[in-house]
Full PDB file with SEQRES, HELIX, SHEET, SSBOND, CRYST1, ORIGX, SCALE, CONECT and MASTER records, all heavy atoms in Angstrom:
SEQRES   1 A   37  GLY SER GLY ILE ILE ILE ASP GLY LYS ILE TYR LEU GLY          
SEQRES   2 A   37  LYS SER ASN PHE ALA GLY GLU VAL VAL PHE LEU PRO TYR          
SEQRES   3 A   37  GLN ASP GLY ASN ILE TYR ASP LEU VAL LYS GLN                  
HELIX    1 AA1 VAL A   21  PHE A   23  5                                   3    
HELIX    2 AA2 ILE A   31  LYS A   36  1                                   6    
SHEET    1 AA1 2 ILE A   5  ILE A   6  0                                        
SHEET    2 AA1 2 LYS A   9  ILE A  10 -1                                        
CRYST1    1.000    1.000    1.000  90.00  90.00  90.00 P 1           1          
ORIGX1      1.000000  0.000000  0.000000        0.00000                         
ORIGX2      0.000000  1.000000  0.000000        0.00000                         
ORIGX3      0.000000  0.000000  1.000000        0.00000                         
SCALE1      1.000000  0.000000  0.000000        0.00000                         
SCALE2      0.000000  1.000000  0.000000        0.00000                         
SCALE3      0.000000  0.000000  1.000000        0.00000                         
ATOM      1  N   GLY A   1     163.563 -55.755  74.438  1.00  0.00           N  
ATOM      2  CA  GLY A   1     163.484 -54.475  75.176  1.00  0.00           C  
ATOM      3  C   GLY A   1     163.640 -53.339  74.136  1.00  0.00           C  
ATOM      4  O   GLY A   1     164.006 -53.580  72.980  1.00  0.00           O  
ATOM      5  N   SER A   2     163.347 -52.119  74.579  1.00  0.00           N  
ATOM      6  CA  SER A   2     163.486 -51.018  73.619  1.00  0.00           C  
ATOM      7  C   SER A   2     163.618 -49.703  74.390  1.00  0.00           C  
ATOM      8  O   SER A   2     163.282 -49.607  75.574  1.00  0.00           O  
ATOM      9  CB  SER A   2     162.268 -50.924  72.646  1.00  0.00           C  
ATOM     10  OG  SER A   2     161.105 -50.466  73.356  1.00  0.00           O  
ATOM     11  N   GLY A   3     164.131 -48.716  73.699  1.00  0.00           N  
ATOM     12  CA  GLY A   3     164.265 -47.357  74.186  1.00  0.00           C  
ATOM     13  C   GLY A   3     163.761 -46.406  73.139  1.00  0.00           C  
ATOM     14  O   GLY A   3     163.838 -46.641  71.933  1.00  0.00           O  
ATOM     15  N   ILE A   4     163.231 -45.244  73.588  1.00  0.00           N  
ATOM     16  CA  ILE A   4     162.540 -44.319  72.722  1.00  0.00           C  
ATOM     17  C   ILE A   4     163.172 -42.923  72.864  1.00  0.00           C  
ATOM     18  O   ILE A   4     163.266 -42.424  74.006  1.00  0.00           O  
ATOM     19  CB  ILE A   4     161.047 -44.231  73.012  1.00  0.00           C  
ATOM     20  CG1 ILE A   4     160.403 -45.609  73.039  1.00  0.00           C  
ATOM     21  CG2 ILE A   4     160.344 -43.274  72.054  1.00  0.00           C  
ATOM     22  CD1 ILE A   4     158.989 -45.632  73.635  1.00  0.00           C  
ATOM     23  N   ILE A   5     163.549 -42.288  71.774  1.00  0.00           N  
ATOM     24  CA  ILE A   5     164.087 -40.944  71.754  1.00  0.00           C  
ATOM     25  C   ILE A   5     163.148 -40.129  70.886  1.00  0.00           C  
ATOM     26  O   ILE A   5     162.931 -40.398  69.703  1.00  0.00           O  
ATOM     27  CB  ILE A   5     165.502 -40.835  71.231  1.00  0.00           C  
ATOM     28  CG1 ILE A   5     166.463 -41.805  71.949  1.00  0.00           C  
ATOM     29  CG2 ILE A   5     166.006 -39.378  71.358  1.00  0.00           C  
ATOM     30  CD1 ILE A   5     166.585 -41.564  73.428  1.00  0.00           C  
ATOM     31  N   ILE A   6     162.551 -39.083  71.459  1.00  0.00           N  
ATOM     32  CA  ILE A   6     161.665 -38.154  70.730  1.00  0.00           C  
ATOM     33  C   ILE A   6     162.237 -36.720  70.880  1.00  0.00           C  
ATOM     34  O   ILE A   6     162.430 -36.244  72.026  1.00  0.00           O  
ATOM     35  CB  ILE A   6     160.209 -38.228  71.215  1.00  0.00           C  
ATOM     36  CG1 ILE A   6     159.668 -39.632  71.076  1.00  0.00           C  
ATOM     37  CG2 ILE A   6     159.333 -37.235  70.442  1.00  0.00           C  
ATOM     38  CD1 ILE A   6     158.251 -39.783  71.657  1.00  0.00           C  
ATOM     39  N   ASP A   7     162.484 -36.082  69.705  1.00  0.00           N  
ATOM     40  CA  ASP A   7     163.067 -34.720  69.754  1.00  0.00           C  
ATOM     41  C   ASP A   7     164.270 -34.555  70.695  1.00  0.00           C  
ATOM     42  O   ASP A   7     164.423 -33.621  71.406  1.00  0.00           O  
ATOM     43  CB  ASP A   7     161.933 -33.685  70.192  1.00  0.00           C  
ATOM     44  CG  ASP A   7     160.860 -33.592  69.148  1.00  0.00           C  
ATOM     45  OD1 ASP A   7     161.161 -33.850  67.961  1.00  0.00           O  
ATOM     46  OD2 ASP A   7     159.714 -33.307  69.527  1.00  0.00           O  
ATOM     47  N   GLY A   8     165.110 -35.613  70.592  1.00  0.00           N  
ATOM     48  CA  GLY A   8     166.371 -35.543  71.341  1.00  0.00           C  
ATOM     49  C   GLY A   8     166.305 -35.853  72.808  1.00  0.00           C  
ATOM     50  O   GLY A   8     167.289 -35.740  73.519  1.00  0.00           O  
ATOM     51  N   LYS A   9     165.143 -36.321  73.293  1.00  0.00           N  
ATOM     52  CA  LYS A   9     164.944 -36.626  74.672  1.00  0.00           C  
ATOM     53  C   LYS A   9     164.450 -38.024  74.893  1.00  0.00           C  
ATOM     54  O   LYS A   9     163.650 -38.530  74.052  1.00  0.00           O  
ATOM     55  CB  LYS A   9     164.011 -35.628  75.372  1.00  0.00           C  
ATOM     56  CG  LYS A   9     164.516 -34.203  75.339  1.00  0.00           C  
ATOM     57  CD  LYS A   9     163.519 -33.271  75.969  1.00  0.00           C  
ATOM     58  CE  LYS A   9     164.012 -31.863  75.994  1.00  0.00           C  
ATOM     59  NZ  LYS A   9     163.048 -30.891  76.593  1.00  0.00           N  
ATOM     60  N   ILE A  10     164.920 -38.701  75.945  1.00  0.00           N  
ATOM     61  CA  ILE A  10     164.396 -40.021  76.254  1.00  0.00           C  
ATOM     62  C   ILE A  10     162.921 -39.883  76.668  1.00  0.00           C  
ATOM     63  O   ILE A  10     162.565 -39.076  77.550  1.00  0.00           O  
ATOM     64  CB  ILE A  10     165.217 -40.663  77.432  1.00  0.00           C  
ATOM     65  CG1 ILE A  10     166.697 -40.845  77.003  1.00  0.00           C  
ATOM     66  CG2 ILE A  10     164.582 -41.967  77.829  1.00  0.00           C  
ATOM     67  CD1 ILE A  10     167.572 -41.272  78.147  1.00  0.00           C  
ATOM     68  N   TYR A  11     162.061 -40.725  76.046  1.00  0.00           N  
ATOM     69  CA  TYR A  11     160.656 -40.703  76.436  1.00  0.00           C  
ATOM     70  C   TYR A  11     160.495 -41.819  77.490  1.00  0.00           C  
ATOM     71  O   TYR A  11     160.679 -43.010  77.205  1.00  0.00           O  
ATOM     72  CB  TYR A  11     159.757 -40.957  75.244  1.00  0.00           C  
ATOM     73  CG  TYR A  11     158.284 -40.923  75.666  1.00  0.00           C  
ATOM     74  CD1 TYR A  11     157.688 -39.722  75.974  1.00  0.00           C  
ATOM     75  CD2 TYR A  11     157.562 -42.114  75.847  1.00  0.00           C  
ATOM     76  CE1 TYR A  11     156.375 -39.688  76.434  1.00  0.00           C  
ATOM     77  CE2 TYR A  11     156.244 -42.050  76.225  1.00  0.00           C  
ATOM     78  CZ  TYR A  11     155.674 -40.852  76.500  1.00  0.00           C  
ATOM     79  OH  TYR A  11     154.328 -40.795  76.948  1.00  0.00           O  
ATOM     80  N   LEU A  12     160.072 -41.403  78.693  1.00  0.00           N  
ATOM     81  CA  LEU A  12     159.938 -42.352  79.829  1.00  0.00           C  
ATOM     82  C   LEU A  12     158.514 -42.842  80.073  1.00  0.00           C  
ATOM     83  O   LEU A  12     158.325 -43.921  80.603  1.00  0.00           O  
ATOM     84  CB  LEU A  12     160.492 -41.689  81.084  1.00  0.00           C  
ATOM     85  CG  LEU A  12     161.984 -41.316  81.034  1.00  0.00           C  
ATOM     86  CD1 LEU A  12     162.355 -40.508  82.278  1.00  0.00           C  
ATOM     87  CD2 LEU A  12     162.888 -42.538  80.912  1.00  0.00           C  
ATOM     88  N   GLY A  13     157.534 -41.954  79.760  1.00  0.00           N  
ATOM     89  CA  GLY A  13     156.191 -42.332  80.106  1.00  0.00           C  
ATOM     90  C   GLY A  13     155.835 -41.950  81.528  1.00  0.00           C  
ATOM     91  O   GLY A  13     156.656 -41.392  82.250  1.00  0.00           O  
ATOM     92  N   LYS A  14     154.598 -42.266  81.919  1.00  0.00           N  
ATOM     93  CA  LYS A  14     154.124 -41.895  83.231  1.00  0.00           C  
ATOM     94  C   LYS A  14     154.918 -42.425  84.393  1.00  0.00           C  
ATOM     95  O   LYS A  14     155.215 -41.744  85.373  1.00  0.00           O  
ATOM     96  CB  LYS A  14     152.654 -42.328  83.430  1.00  0.00           C  
ATOM     97  CG  LYS A  14     152.005 -41.902  84.727  1.00  0.00           C  
ATOM     98  CD  LYS A  14     150.627 -42.542  84.904  1.00  0.00           C  
ATOM     99  CE  LYS A  14     150.742 -44.046  85.303  1.00  0.00           C  
ATOM    100  NZ  LYS A  14     149.478 -44.610  85.744  1.00  0.00           N  
ATOM    101  N   SER A  15     155.353 -43.675  84.269  1.00  0.00           N  
ATOM    102  CA  SER A  15     156.055 -44.354  85.393  1.00  0.00           C  
ATOM    103  C   SER A  15     157.358 -45.014  84.920  1.00  0.00           C  
ATOM    104  O   SER A  15     157.748 -46.076  85.396  1.00  0.00           O  
ATOM    105  CB  SER A  15     155.127 -45.408  86.051  1.00  0.00           C  
ATOM    106  OG  SER A  15     154.677 -46.314  85.097  1.00  0.00           O  
ATOM    107  N   ASN A  16     158.021 -44.398  83.932  1.00  0.00           N  
ATOM    108  CA  ASN A  16     159.256 -44.929  83.376  1.00  0.00           C  
ATOM    109  C   ASN A  16     159.100 -46.305  82.725  1.00  0.00           C  
ATOM    110  O   ASN A  16     160.077 -47.037  82.607  1.00  0.00           O  
ATOM    111  CB  ASN A  16     160.371 -44.996  84.484  1.00  0.00           C  
ATOM    112  CG  ASN A  16     160.689 -43.629  85.041  1.00  0.00           C  
ATOM    113  OD1 ASN A  16     160.885 -42.660  84.339  1.00  0.00           O  
ATOM    114  ND2 ASN A  16     160.681 -43.532  86.362  1.00  0.00           N  
ATOM    115  N   PHE A  17     157.887 -46.604  82.309  1.00  0.00           N  
ATOM    116  CA  PHE A  17     157.591 -47.929  81.737  1.00  0.00           C  
ATOM    117  C   PHE A  17     157.598 -47.925  80.221  1.00  0.00           C  
ATOM    118  O   PHE A  17     157.516 -49.035  79.610  1.00  0.00           O  
ATOM    119  CB  PHE A  17     156.194 -48.371  82.262  1.00  0.00           C  
ATOM    120  CG  PHE A  17     155.855 -49.816  82.000  1.00  0.00           C  
ATOM    121  CD1 PHE A  17     156.471 -50.801  82.772  1.00  0.00           C  
ATOM    122  CD2 PHE A  17     154.874 -50.158  81.085  1.00  0.00           C  
ATOM    123  CE1 PHE A  17     156.161 -52.140  82.541  1.00  0.00           C  
ATOM    124  CE2 PHE A  17     154.577 -51.502  80.918  1.00  0.00           C  
ATOM    125  CZ  PHE A  17     155.197 -52.457  81.593  1.00  0.00           C  
ATOM    126  N   ALA A  18     157.730 -46.793  79.599  1.00  0.00           N  
ATOM    127  CA  ALA A  18     157.729 -46.692  78.157  1.00  0.00           C  
ATOM    128  C   ALA A  18     158.860 -47.505  77.571  1.00  0.00           C  
ATOM    129  O   ALA A  18     159.975 -47.474  78.075  1.00  0.00           O  
ATOM    130  CB  ALA A  18     157.883 -45.237  77.699  1.00  0.00           C  
ATOM    131  N   GLY A  19     158.579 -48.315  76.541  1.00  0.00           N  
ATOM    132  CA  GLY A  19     159.583 -49.093  75.887  1.00  0.00           C  
ATOM    133  C   GLY A  19     159.653 -50.521  76.423  1.00  0.00           C  
ATOM    134  O   GLY A  19     160.417 -51.349  75.872  1.00  0.00           O  
ATOM    135  N   GLU A  20     158.893 -50.865  77.411  1.00  0.00           N  
ATOM    136  CA  GLU A  20     158.898 -52.218  77.977  1.00  0.00           C  
ATOM    137  C   GLU A  20     158.083 -53.189  77.099  1.00  0.00           C  
ATOM    138  O   GLU A  20     157.017 -53.700  77.477  1.00  0.00           O  
ATOM    139  CB  GLU A  20     158.385 -52.215  79.435  1.00  0.00           C  
ATOM    140  CG  GLU A  20     159.276 -51.533  80.404  1.00  0.00           C  
ATOM    141  CD  GLU A  20     160.636 -52.217  80.557  1.00  0.00           C  
ATOM    142  OE1 GLU A  20     160.675 -53.472  80.558  1.00  0.00           O  
ATOM    143  OE2 GLU A  20     161.663 -51.526  80.672  1.00  0.00           O  
ATOM    144  N   VAL A  21     158.613 -53.422  75.880  1.00  0.00           N  
ATOM    145  CA  VAL A  21     157.884 -54.180  74.878  1.00  0.00           C  
ATOM    146  C   VAL A  21     157.777 -55.651  75.193  1.00  0.00           C  
ATOM    147  O   VAL A  21     157.066 -56.420  74.490  1.00  0.00           O  
ATOM    148  CB  VAL A  21     158.522 -54.007  73.506  1.00  0.00           C  
ATOM    149  CG1 VAL A  21     158.355 -52.527  73.022  1.00  0.00           C  
ATOM    150  CG2 VAL A  21     159.982 -54.346  73.454  1.00  0.00           C  
ATOM    151  N   VAL A  22     158.489 -56.120  76.242  1.00  0.00           N  
ATOM    152  CA  VAL A  22     158.387 -57.501  76.641  1.00  0.00           C  
ATOM    153  C   VAL A  22     156.938 -57.784  77.107  1.00  0.00           C  
ATOM    154  O   VAL A  22     156.480 -58.958  77.109  1.00  0.00           O  
ATOM    155  CB  VAL A  22     159.399 -57.837  77.774  1.00  0.00           C  
ATOM    156  CG1 VAL A  22     159.008 -57.174  79.074  1.00  0.00           C  
ATOM    157  CG2 VAL A  22     159.541 -59.293  77.930  1.00  0.00           C  
ATOM    158  N   PHE A  23     156.203 -56.715  77.465  1.00  0.00           N  
ATOM    159  CA  PHE A  23     154.843 -56.887  77.946  1.00  0.00           C  
ATOM    160  C   PHE A  23     153.787 -56.804  76.835  1.00  0.00           C  
ATOM    161  O   PHE A  23     152.583 -56.848  77.148  1.00  0.00           O  
ATOM    162  CB  PHE A  23     154.510 -55.819  79.036  1.00  0.00           C  
ATOM    163  CG  PHE A  23     155.281 -56.036  80.288  1.00  0.00           C  
ATOM    164  CD1 PHE A  23     156.464 -55.416  80.534  1.00  0.00           C  
ATOM    165  CD2 PHE A  23     154.851 -56.964  81.229  1.00  0.00           C  
ATOM    166  CE1 PHE A  23     157.200 -55.585  81.730  1.00  0.00           C  
ATOM    167  CE2 PHE A  23     155.547 -57.141  82.442  1.00  0.00           C  
ATOM    168  CZ  PHE A  23     156.720 -56.465  82.636  1.00  0.00           C  
ATOM    169  N   LEU A  24     154.203 -56.654  75.616  1.00  0.00           N  
ATOM    170  CA  LEU A  24     153.237 -56.623  74.480  1.00  0.00           C  
ATOM    171  C   LEU A  24     152.506 -57.994  74.375  1.00  0.00           C  
ATOM    172  O   LEU A  24     153.076 -59.015  74.734  1.00  0.00           O  
ATOM    173  CB  LEU A  24     153.939 -56.360  73.156  1.00  0.00           C  
ATOM    174  CG  LEU A  24     154.375 -54.920  72.892  1.00  0.00           C  
ATOM    175  CD1 LEU A  24     155.197 -54.858  71.588  1.00  0.00           C  
ATOM    176  CD2 LEU A  24     153.149 -54.006  72.740  1.00  0.00           C  
ATOM    177  N   PRO A  25     151.266 -57.945  73.881  1.00  0.00           N  
ATOM    178  CA  PRO A  25     150.552 -59.263  73.713  1.00  0.00           C  
ATOM    179  C   PRO A  25     151.000 -59.922  72.416  1.00  0.00           C  
ATOM    180  O   PRO A  25     150.438 -59.685  71.354  1.00  0.00           O  
ATOM    181  CB  PRO A  25     149.084 -58.844  73.653  1.00  0.00           C  
ATOM    182  CG  PRO A  25     149.101 -57.428  73.138  1.00  0.00           C  
ATOM    183  CD  PRO A  25     150.406 -56.814  73.671  1.00  0.00           C  
ATOM    184  N   TYR A  26     151.978 -60.798  72.496  1.00  0.00           N  
ATOM    185  CA  TYR A  26     152.527 -61.404  71.275  1.00  0.00           C  
ATOM    186  C   TYR A  26     151.562 -62.443  70.744  1.00  0.00           C  
ATOM    187  O   TYR A  26     150.911 -63.182  71.482  1.00  0.00           O  
ATOM    188  CB  TYR A  26     153.917 -62.027  71.535  1.00  0.00           C  
ATOM    189  CG  TYR A  26     154.935 -60.933  71.794  1.00  0.00           C  
ATOM    190  CD1 TYR A  26     155.213 -60.464  73.047  1.00  0.00           C  
ATOM    191  CD2 TYR A  26     155.596 -60.380  70.731  1.00  0.00           C  
ATOM    192  CE1 TYR A  26     156.079 -59.420  73.296  1.00  0.00           C  
ATOM    193  CE2 TYR A  26     156.546 -59.355  70.921  1.00  0.00           C  
ATOM    194  CZ  TYR A  26     156.774 -58.909  72.212  1.00  0.00           C  
ATOM    195  OH  TYR A  26     157.669 -57.828  72.404  1.00  0.00           O  
ATOM    196  N   GLN A  27     151.507 -62.468  69.413  1.00  0.00           N  
ATOM    197  CA  GLN A  27     150.411 -63.228  68.756  1.00  0.00           C  
ATOM    198  C   GLN A  27     150.514 -64.746  69.031  1.00  0.00           C  
ATOM    199  O   GLN A  27     149.453 -65.388  69.105  1.00  0.00           O  
ATOM    200  CB  GLN A  27     150.550 -62.970  67.190  1.00  0.00           C  
ATOM    201  CG  GLN A  27     150.322 -61.559  66.824  1.00  0.00           C  
ATOM    202  CD  GLN A  27     150.600 -61.294  65.356  1.00  0.00           C  
ATOM    203  OE1 GLN A  27     151.159 -62.169  64.696  1.00  0.00           O  
ATOM    204  NE2 GLN A  27     150.292 -60.093  64.847  1.00  0.00           N  
ATOM    205  N   ASP A  28     151.694 -65.265  69.221  1.00  0.00           N  
ATOM    206  CA  ASP A  28     151.811 -66.709  69.303  1.00  0.00           C  
ATOM    207  C   ASP A  28     152.095 -67.182  70.759  1.00  0.00           C  
ATOM    208  O   ASP A  28     152.485 -68.342  70.972  1.00  0.00           O  
ATOM    209  CB  ASP A  28     152.953 -67.200  68.364  1.00  0.00           C  
ATOM    210  CG  ASP A  28     152.563 -66.972  66.907  1.00  0.00           C  
ATOM    211  OD1 ASP A  28     151.376 -66.956  66.602  1.00  0.00           O  
ATOM    212  OD2 ASP A  28     153.498 -66.826  66.149  1.00  0.00           O  
ATOM    213  N   GLY A  29     151.929 -66.321  71.756  1.00  0.00           N  
ATOM    214  CA  GLY A  29     152.081 -66.774  73.117  1.00  0.00           C  
ATOM    215  C   GLY A  29     153.122 -65.995  73.897  1.00  0.00           C  
ATOM    216  O   GLY A  29     153.484 -64.888  73.572  1.00  0.00           O  
ATOM    217  N   ASN A  30     153.601 -66.621  74.936  1.00  0.00           N  
ATOM    218  CA  ASN A  30     154.593 -66.004  75.844  1.00  0.00           C  
ATOM    219  C   ASN A  30     155.890 -65.714  75.113  1.00  0.00           C  
ATOM    220  O   ASN A  30     156.463 -66.635  74.531  1.00  0.00           O  
ATOM    221  CB  ASN A  30     154.808 -66.932  77.057  1.00  0.00           C  
ATOM    222  CG  ASN A  30     155.772 -66.331  78.058  1.00  0.00           C  
ATOM    223  OD1 ASN A  30     157.002 -66.346  77.799  1.00  0.00           O  
ATOM    224  ND2 ASN A  30     155.248 -65.839  79.168  1.00  0.00           N  
ATOM    225  N   ILE A  31     156.414 -64.497  75.269  1.00  0.00           N  
ATOM    226  CA  ILE A  31     157.593 -64.142  74.460  1.00  0.00           C  
ATOM    227  C   ILE A  31     158.802 -64.940  74.856  1.00  0.00           C  
ATOM    228  O   ILE A  31     159.630 -65.254  74.008  1.00  0.00           O  
ATOM    229  CB  ILE A  31     157.892 -62.581  74.631  1.00  0.00           C  
ATOM    230  CG1 ILE A  31     159.011 -62.190  73.723  1.00  0.00           C  
ATOM    231  CG2 ILE A  31     158.155 -62.235  76.078  1.00  0.00           C  
ATOM    232  CD1 ILE A  31     158.745 -62.428  72.246  1.00  0.00           C  
ATOM    233  N   TYR A  32     158.920 -65.315  76.098  1.00  0.00           N  
ATOM    234  CA  TYR A  32     160.108 -66.129  76.543  1.00  0.00           C  
ATOM    235  C   TYR A  32     160.082 -67.551  75.949  1.00  0.00           C  
ATOM    236  O   TYR A  32     161.138 -68.088  75.600  1.00  0.00           O  
ATOM    237  CB  TYR A  32     160.161 -66.177  78.077  1.00  0.00           C  
ATOM    238  CG  TYR A  32     160.371 -64.818  78.698  1.00  0.00           C  
ATOM    239  CD1 TYR A  32     159.339 -64.137  79.305  1.00  0.00           C  
ATOM    240  CD2 TYR A  32     161.626 -64.224  78.662  1.00  0.00           C  
ATOM    241  CE1 TYR A  32     159.489 -62.884  79.887  1.00  0.00           C  
ATOM    242  CE2 TYR A  32     161.847 -62.982  79.241  1.00  0.00           C  
ATOM    243  CZ  TYR A  32     160.778 -62.299  79.818  1.00  0.00           C  
ATOM    244  OH  TYR A  32     160.975 -61.080  80.382  1.00  0.00           O  
ATOM    245  N   ASP A  33     158.901 -68.036  75.736  1.00  0.00           N  
ATOM    246  CA  ASP A  33     158.763 -69.364  75.031  1.00  0.00           C  
ATOM    247  C   ASP A  33     159.111 -69.147  73.530  1.00  0.00           C  
ATOM    248  O   ASP A  33     159.738 -70.033  72.890  1.00  0.00           O  
ATOM    249  CB  ASP A  33     157.392 -69.939  75.196  1.00  0.00           C  
ATOM    250  CG  ASP A  33     157.096 -70.308  76.683  1.00  0.00           C  
ATOM    251  OD1 ASP A  33     158.056 -70.636  77.390  1.00  0.00           O  
ATOM    252  OD2 ASP A  33     155.912 -70.283  77.057  1.00  0.00           O  
ATOM    253  N   LEU A  34     158.635 -68.028  72.989  1.00  0.00           N  
ATOM    254  CA  LEU A  34     158.852 -67.790  71.539  1.00  0.00           C  
ATOM    255  C   LEU A  34     160.329 -67.640  71.224  1.00  0.00           C  
ATOM    256  O   LEU A  34     160.802 -68.130  70.133  1.00  0.00           O  
ATOM    257  CB  LEU A  34     158.089 -66.491  71.127  1.00  0.00           C  
ATOM    258  CG  LEU A  34     156.589 -66.543  71.212  1.00  0.00           C  
ATOM    259  CD1 LEU A  34     155.978 -65.170  70.880  1.00  0.00           C  
ATOM    260  CD2 LEU A  34     156.014 -67.631  70.275  1.00  0.00           C  
ATOM    261  N   VAL A  35     161.095 -67.014  72.084  1.00  0.00           N  
ATOM    262  CA  VAL A  35     162.546 -66.831  71.861  1.00  0.00           C  
ATOM    263  C   VAL A  35     163.200 -68.187  71.717  1.00  0.00           C  
ATOM    264  O   VAL A  35     164.129 -68.400  70.865  1.00  0.00           O  
ATOM    265  CB  VAL A  35     163.158 -66.016  73.001  1.00  0.00           C  
ATOM    266  CG1 VAL A  35     164.675 -66.011  72.895  1.00  0.00           C  
ATOM    267  CG2 VAL A  35     162.628 -64.629  73.061  1.00  0.00           C  
ATOM    268  N   LYS A  36     162.795 -69.179  72.524  1.00  0.00           N  
ATOM    269  CA  LYS A  36     163.399 -70.460  72.554  1.00  0.00           C  
ATOM    270  C   LYS A  36     163.087 -71.287  71.229  1.00  0.00           C  
ATOM    271  O   LYS A  36     163.747 -72.281  70.947  1.00  0.00           O  
ATOM    272  CB  LYS A  36     162.921 -71.319  73.741  1.00  0.00           C  
ATOM    273  CG  LYS A  36     163.371 -70.686  75.037  1.00  0.00           C  
ATOM    274  CD  LYS A  36     162.719 -71.417  76.208  1.00  0.00           C  
ATOM    275  CE  LYS A  36     163.027 -70.760  77.535  1.00  0.00           C  
ATOM    276  NZ  LYS A  36     162.377 -71.480  78.681  1.00  0.00           N  
ATOM    277  N   GLN A  37     162.104 -70.803  70.432  1.00  0.00           N  
ATOM    278  CA  GLN A  37     161.684 -71.564  69.269  1.00  0.00           C  
ATOM    279  C   GLN A  37     162.596 -71.242  68.027  1.00  0.00           C  
ATOM    280  O   GLN A  37     162.404 -71.876  67.013  1.00  0.00           O  
ATOM    281  CB  GLN A  37     160.258 -71.202  68.891  1.00  0.00           C  
ATOM    282  CG  GLN A  37     159.261 -71.720  69.930  1.00  0.00           C  
ATOM    283  CD  GLN A  37     157.817 -71.310  69.636  1.00  0.00           C  
ATOM    284  OE1 GLN A  37     157.494 -70.898  68.540  1.00  0.00           O  
ATOM    285  NE2 GLN A  37     156.921 -71.395  70.646  1.00  0.00           N  
TER     286      GLN A  37                                                      
MASTER        0    0    0    2    2    0    0    6  285    1    0    3          
END                                                                             
């Protein structure tokens, strides 16, 4: 997970989804499977 601060303010994005890096396309597959490795 992650949080973003720009110029002293929380950056939320259009629908408060900014920083939801769990949804990135990880190179080696599903992130929850990768954590277990």
